[in-house]
Amino acid sequence: MIKHLCIIGVGLIGGSFARAVRERGICGRITGVGRNLENLEKAVELGVIDDFDFDIKRAAKEADFVFISTPVGSYEAIFSELKTVWSTEAVYTDAGSTKQSVVDALNAVFGEVPSNFIPGHPIAGAENSGVLASRDDLYRHKQVILTPLENSDESAFDRVKNVWQAIEADISKMAPAHHDRVLAETSHLPHLLAYALVDLLGHKNEQREVLKYAAGGFRDFTRIASSDPRMWADICEANDREIIPLLDQFSSELSKISEMLKAQKQGDLFALFKRAKETRQQFLDQSDNQ
């Protein structure tokens, strides 16, 4: 299905994609691109990739499938490099957590979105990064959102979709702007809240005591604050148009809770907690049925 795969960014996401296509025998040669020599050498040692290059143009020139899995803030520079060796015979896609920013970067470099670039976002990950964290089953039964545009080539879309389905991912299709709105609510805002809480407690004078007595609830809620800071700073900057209104809404919700506590409105507080519990149970039931 893929003769020569070029992975730009051989970390958790890119490395797991490489492992998955290799494990299922749907890919020939895999070339990795990155800036960390130790990580790339480890990727070769582990059999995740066959070879690597620091030069994007040289690595992608002969590839028939190019997968970009770097922080979204790097995309415009990457597209500028790829433009000089762009092939209409190849298919290009990505794993960025924002999609409108990818479209904007492509328009800035090419003046349009090339028809053989299919934006994508696998809804999978972990708090650890680097090729050592990658695994061949990361995408199994996980949602992958593809966000083709009106001019997207149907055969390119089908090829990207078929590869994801071959590694047992579940495919959804959205417009880029709709994707960013949904992910701001379900992923970007929760990450911001986790980072903010840990930073707040980290600045307290009694920090050691706070961390000493933090229990499972703190660990569960703040797990995602162990994610890659560079990647999440890029995501939040790229999707600020959706995140900022959500932060305002959340601030308003916290103010309501504060007023309930001040007024000792236990019934209102209980009702809020009950609604939240029921909503989360709906999410769990839906997840179990997928």
Protein backbone atom coordinates (compact mmCIF):
# COMPACT_ATOMS: atom_id res chain seq x y z
CA MET A 1 0.00 0.00 0.00
CA ILE A 2 2.96 2.31 0.75
CA LYS A 3 6.23 1.80 -1.09
CA HIS A 4 8.28 4.46 0.66
CA LEU A 5 6.98 6.24 3.75
CA CYS A 6 8.59 9.46 4.97
CA ILE A 7 7.84 10.27 8.62
CA ILE A 8 8.62 13.86 9.58
CA GLY A 9 8.79 13.75 13.36
CA VAL A 10 9.64 10.28 14.71
CA GLY A 11 8.16 10.53 18.20
CA LEU A 12 5.17 8.95 19.89
CA ILE A 13 2.75 9.76 17.06
CA GLY A 14 5.01 9.32 14.05
CA GLY A 15 6.80 6.35 15.54
CA SER A 16 3.53 4.61 16.38
CA PHE A 17 2.28 5.18 12.83
CA ALA A 18 5.49 3.67 11.45
CA ARG A 19 5.27 0.69 13.80
CA ALA A 20 1.62 0.09 12.90
CA VAL A 21 2.03 0.09 9.12
CA ARG A 22 5.13 -2.07 9.39
CA GLU A 23 3.51 -4.56 11.78
CA ARG A 24 0.64 -5.01 9.31
CA GLY A 25 2.94 -5.41 6.32
CA ILE A 26 1.51 -2.50 4.32
CA CYS A 27 4.71 -0.48 3.97
CA GLY A 28 8.10 -0.99 2.42
CA ARG A 29 10.90 1.40 3.26
CA ILE A 30 10.45 3.95 6.07
CA THR A 31 12.63 7.06 6.28
CA GLY A 32 12.48 9.25 9.35
CA VAL A 33 13.21 12.97 9.59
CA GLY A 34 14.04 14.81 12.78
CA ARG A 35 16.58 16.92 14.61
CA ASN A 36 17.46 14.66 17.53
CA LEU A 37 20.22 12.27 16.46
CA GLU A 38 19.88 10.04 19.51
CA ASN A 39 16.13 9.63 18.97
CA LEU A 40 16.57 8.83 15.28
CA GLU A 41 19.34 6.31 15.96
CA LYS A 42 17.13 4.66 18.57
CA ALA A 43 14.29 4.50 16.01
CA VAL A 44 16.55 2.61 13.60
CA GLU A 45 17.79 0.34 16.37
CA LEU A 46 14.21 -0.53 17.34
CA GLY A 47 13.24 -1.18 13.72
CA VAL A 48 10.71 1.66 13.69
CA ILE A 49 12.39 3.22 10.64
CA ASP A 50 14.94 1.92 8.14
CA ASP A 51 17.01 5.08 7.81
CA PHE A 52 16.87 8.75 8.63
CA ASP A 53 17.87 12.15 7.31
CA PHE A 54 18.03 15.66 8.75
CA ASP A 55 17.13 17.12 5.35
CA ILE A 56 13.38 17.11 4.64
CA LYS A 57 13.79 17.60 0.89
CA ARG A 58 16.17 14.69 0.48
CA ALA A 59 14.08 12.37 2.70
CA ALA A 60 10.73 13.15 1.05
CA LYS A 61 11.88 13.34 -2.57
CA GLU A 62 11.38 9.65 -3.36
CA ALA A 63 8.52 8.97 -0.92
CA ASP A 64 5.03 8.12 -2.12
CA PHE A 65 3.47 8.79 1.32
CA VAL A 66 4.55 11.64 3.62
CA PHE A 67 3.31 11.81 7.21
CA ILE A 68 3.96 14.96 9.27
CA SER A 69 3.84 14.54 13.04
CA THR A 70 5.67 17.53 14.47
CA PRO A 71 4.29 20.41 16.60
CA VAL A 72 1.88 22.44 14.46
CA GLY A 73 3.97 25.58 14.88
CA SER A 74 6.63 24.00 12.65
CA TYR A 75 4.33 23.27 9.71
CA GLU A 76 4.84 26.38 7.59
CA ALA A 77 8.62 25.87 7.62
CA ILE A 78 8.16 22.19 6.76
CA PHE A 79 5.81 23.01 3.88
CA SER A 80 8.35 25.49 2.53
CA GLU A 81 10.93 22.70 2.43
CA LEU A 82 8.52 20.19 0.89
CA LYS A 83 7.37 22.62 -1.78
CA THR A 84 10.64 22.24 -3.69
CA VAL A 85 10.19 18.44 -4.01
CA TRP A 86 6.39 18.21 -3.94
CA SER A 87 5.15 15.34 -6.10
CA THR A 88 1.67 15.03 -7.57
CA GLU A 89 2.20 11.25 -7.47
CA ALA A 90 2.61 11.18 -3.69
CA VAL A 91 0.10 11.60 -0.88
CA TYR A 92 0.72 13.97 2.03
CA THR A 93 -1.04 14.02 5.38
CA ASP A 94 -0.44 15.01 8.98
CA ALA A 95 -1.36 14.32 12.60
CA GLY A 96 -1.66 17.90 13.86
CA SER A 97 -4.07 18.63 16.71
CA THR A 98 -5.40 21.74 14.95
CA LYS A 99 -6.55 21.77 11.37
CA GLN A 100 -7.37 25.34 10.36
CA SER A 101 -3.80 26.36 11.19
CA VAL A 102 -2.57 23.62 8.82
CA VAL A 103 -4.81 24.95 6.05
CA ASP A 104 -3.53 28.48 6.74
CA ALA A 105 0.10 27.32 6.60
CA LEU A 106 -0.47 25.53 3.29
CA ASN A 107 -2.15 28.61 1.82
CA ALA A 108 0.75 30.77 2.98
CA VAL A 109 3.31 28.53 1.23
CA PHE A 110 1.43 27.27 -1.84
CA GLY A 111 -1.27 29.89 -2.27
CA GLU A 112 -3.78 27.03 -1.91
CA VAL A 113 -4.12 23.65 -0.26
CA PRO A 114 -2.59 21.09 -2.65
CA SER A 115 -5.23 18.56 -3.65
CA ASN A 116 -3.04 15.63 -2.59
CA PHE A 117 -2.63 16.91 1.00
CA ILE A 118 -5.27 15.41 3.30
CA PRO A 119 -5.27 17.00 6.78
CA GLY A 120 -5.78 14.51 9.59
CA HIS A 121 -5.74 14.14 13.35
CA PRO A 122 -5.55 10.82 15.24
CA ILE A 123 -7.28 11.15 18.62
CA ALA A 124 -4.70 9.11 20.47
CA GLY A 125 -1.64 9.79 22.51
CA ALA A 126 0.04 9.54 25.90
CA GLU A 127 1.80 11.81 28.33
CA ASN A 128 5.18 10.37 27.29
CA SER A 129 6.93 11.42 24.10
CA GLY A 130 9.76 10.24 21.88
CA VAL A 131 10.17 7.07 19.85
CA LEU A 132 10.61 4.97 23.00
CA ALA A 133 6.97 5.73 23.87
CA SER A 134 5.69 4.59 20.45
CA ARG A 135 3.77 1.34 20.00
CA ASP A 136 2.10 -0.47 17.12
CA ASP A 137 -1.39 -0.55 18.68
CA LEU A 138 -1.70 3.13 19.62
CA TYR A 139 -4.35 3.78 16.96
CA ARG A 140 -6.29 0.55 17.23
CA HIS A 141 -10.00 1.38 17.61
CA LYS A 142 -9.15 5.08 18.08
CA GLN A 143 -10.83 7.91 16.22
CA VAL A 144 -8.93 9.53 13.36
CA ILE A 145 -10.50 12.72 12.03
CA LEU A 146 -9.79 13.57 8.39
CA THR A 147 -10.61 17.10 7.24
CA PRO A 148 -10.44 17.21 3.42
CA LEU A 149 -11.29 20.40 1.57
CA GLU A 150 -13.50 20.94 -1.47
CA ASN A 151 -10.54 20.63 -3.83
CA SER A 152 -9.10 17.51 -2.17
CA ASP A 153 -8.35 14.68 -4.56
CA GLU A 154 -10.71 11.80 -3.89
CA SER A 155 -8.11 9.14 -4.59
CA ALA A 156 -5.67 10.83 -2.17
CA PHE A 157 -8.38 10.93 0.50
CA ASP A 158 -9.20 7.26 -0.07
CA ARG A 159 -5.56 6.29 0.16
CA VAL A 160 -5.06 8.07 3.49
CA LYS A 161 -8.34 6.65 4.81
CA ASN A 162 -7.42 3.13 3.70
CA VAL A 163 -4.05 3.27 5.48
CA TRP A 164 -5.69 4.36 8.75
CA GLN A 165 -8.34 1.66 8.41
CA ALA A 166 -5.65 -0.93 7.71
CA ILE A 167 -4.14 -0.16 11.13
CA GLU A 168 -7.62 -0.53 12.67
CA ALA A 169 -8.42 3.13 13.32
CA ASP A 170 -11.99 4.44 13.13
CA ILE A 171 -12.41 7.27 10.59
CA SER A 172 -14.48 10.43 11.00
CA LYS A 173 -14.76 13.29 8.55
CA MET A 174 -15.11 16.98 9.49
CA ALA A 175 -14.50 20.46 8.17
CA PRO A 176 -11.27 21.95 9.59
CA ALA A 177 -13.02 24.74 11.52
CA HIS A 178 -15.53 22.31 13.03
CA HIS A 179 -12.69 20.01 14.08
CA ASP A 180 -10.95 22.86 15.89
CA ARG A 181 -14.13 23.85 17.74
CA VAL A 182 -14.81 20.27 18.90
CA LEU A 183 -11.23 19.59 19.94
CA ALA A 184 -10.98 22.90 21.79
CA GLU A 185 -13.85 21.73 23.98
CA THR A 186 -12.81 18.12 24.47
CA SER A 187 -9.00 18.28 24.48
CA HIS A 188 -7.40 21.72 24.37
CA LEU A 189 -9.36 23.23 27.28
CA PRO A 190 -8.82 20.19 29.56
CA HIS A 191 -5.08 20.34 28.93
CA LEU A 192 -5.00 24.04 29.77
CA LEU A 193 -6.90 23.44 33.00
CA ALA A 194 -4.54 20.65 34.05
CA TYR A 195 -1.46 22.77 33.33
CA ALA A 196 -2.99 25.76 35.15
CA LEU A 197 -3.86 23.78 38.28
CA VAL A 198 -0.42 22.19 38.56
CA ASP A 199 1.24 25.57 37.99
CA LEU A 200 -0.98 27.18 40.65
CA LEU A 201 -0.11 24.57 43.25
CA GLY A 202 3.53 24.59 42.21
CA HIS A 203 3.81 28.26 43.15
CA LYS A 204 2.46 27.76 46.67
CA ASN A 205 4.91 28.06 49.56
CA GLU A 206 3.79 24.70 50.94
CA GLN A 207 4.42 22.97 47.58
CA ARG A 208 6.13 19.94 49.10
CA GLU A 209 3.23 19.31 51.46
CA VAL A 210 0.69 19.75 48.67
CA LEU A 211 2.45 17.16 46.51
CA LYS A 212 3.06 14.83 49.45
CA TYR A 213 -0.62 14.54 50.28
CA ALA A 214 -2.02 14.67 46.75
CA ALA A 215 -4.00 11.49 46.13
CA GLY A 216 -5.40 9.60 43.15
CA GLY A 217 -7.82 12.35 42.16
CA PHE A 218 -4.95 14.81 41.72
CA ARG A 219 -2.97 12.24 39.74
CA ASP A 220 -5.92 11.43 37.47
CA PHE A 221 -6.91 15.04 36.82
CA THR A 222 -3.39 16.30 36.19
CA ARG A 223 -2.02 13.35 34.17
CA ILE A 224 -2.21 15.29 30.91
CA ALA A 225 -0.07 18.07 32.39
CA SER A 226 2.84 15.66 31.78
CA SER A 227 2.33 16.07 28.02
CA ASP A 228 4.91 17.76 25.78
CA PRO A 229 4.91 21.50 26.70
CA ARG A 230 6.21 22.62 23.28
CA MET A 231 3.53 20.72 21.44
CA TRP A 232 0.71 22.04 23.63
CA ALA A 233 1.95 25.63 23.52
CA ASP A 234 1.81 25.37 19.72
CA ILE A 235 -1.67 23.84 19.80
CA CYS A 236 -3.07 26.54 22.07
CA GLU A 237 -1.55 29.32 20.00
CA ALA A 238 -2.83 27.78 16.77
CA ASN A 239 -6.39 27.39 18.10
CA ASP A 240 -6.68 30.50 20.26
CA ARG A 241 -9.77 31.69 18.36
CA GLU A 242 -11.69 28.70 19.74
CA ILE A 243 -9.95 28.39 23.12
CA ILE A 244 -10.29 31.98 24.37
CA PRO A 245 -14.13 32.03 24.31
CA LEU A 246 -14.12 28.66 26.11
CA LEU A 247 -11.83 30.02 28.82
CA ASP A 248 -14.23 32.94 29.28
CA GLN A 249 -17.15 30.52 29.62
CA PHE A 250 -15.24 28.38 32.08
CA SER A 251 -14.28 31.43 34.14
CA SER A 252 -17.98 32.32 34.28
CA GLU A 253 -18.81 28.78 35.44
CA LEU A 254 -16.22 28.99 38.22
CA SER A 255 -17.67 32.35 39.29
CA LYS A 256 -21.11 30.74 39.56
CA ILE A 257 -19.70 28.00 41.76
CA SER A 258 -17.95 30.59 43.92
CA GLU A 259 -21.23 32.45 44.39
CA MET A 260 -23.00 29.19 45.32
CA LEU A 261 -20.42 28.55 48.01
CA LYS A 262 -20.59 32.09 49.33
CA ALA A 263 -24.38 31.93 49.51
CA GLN A 264 -24.25 28.37 50.92
CA LYS A 265 -26.54 27.13 48.13
CA GLN A 266 -25.83 23.45 48.69
CA GLY A 267 -28.83 22.39 46.60
CA ASP A 268 -27.56 24.28 43.54
CA LEU A 269 -24.07 22.89 44.01
CA PHE A 270 -25.44 19.35 44.34
CA ALA A 271 -27.53 19.80 41.18
CA LEU A 272 -24.45 20.93 39.24
CA PHE A 273 -22.40 17.99 40.48
CA LYS A 274 -25.26 15.59 39.65
CA ARG A 275 -25.57 16.93 36.07
CA ALA A 276 -21.82 16.64 35.59
CA LYS A 277 -21.77 13.07 36.91
CA GLU A 278 -24.61 12.07 34.57
CA THR A 279 -22.91 13.70 31.57
CA ARG A 280 -19.66 11.90 32.29
CA GLN A 281 -21.50 8.60 32.63
CA GLN A 282 -23.03 9.18 29.19
CA PHE A 283 -19.51 9.66 27.85
CA LEU A 284 -18.30 6.45 29.50
CA ASP A 285 -21.29 4.46 28.20
CA GLN A 286 -20.70 5.79 24.70
CA SER A 287 -17.00 4.93 24.87
CA ASP A 288 -17.76 1.40 26.05
CA ASN A 289 -20.13 0.86 23.12
CA GLN A 290 -17.64 1.95 20.45
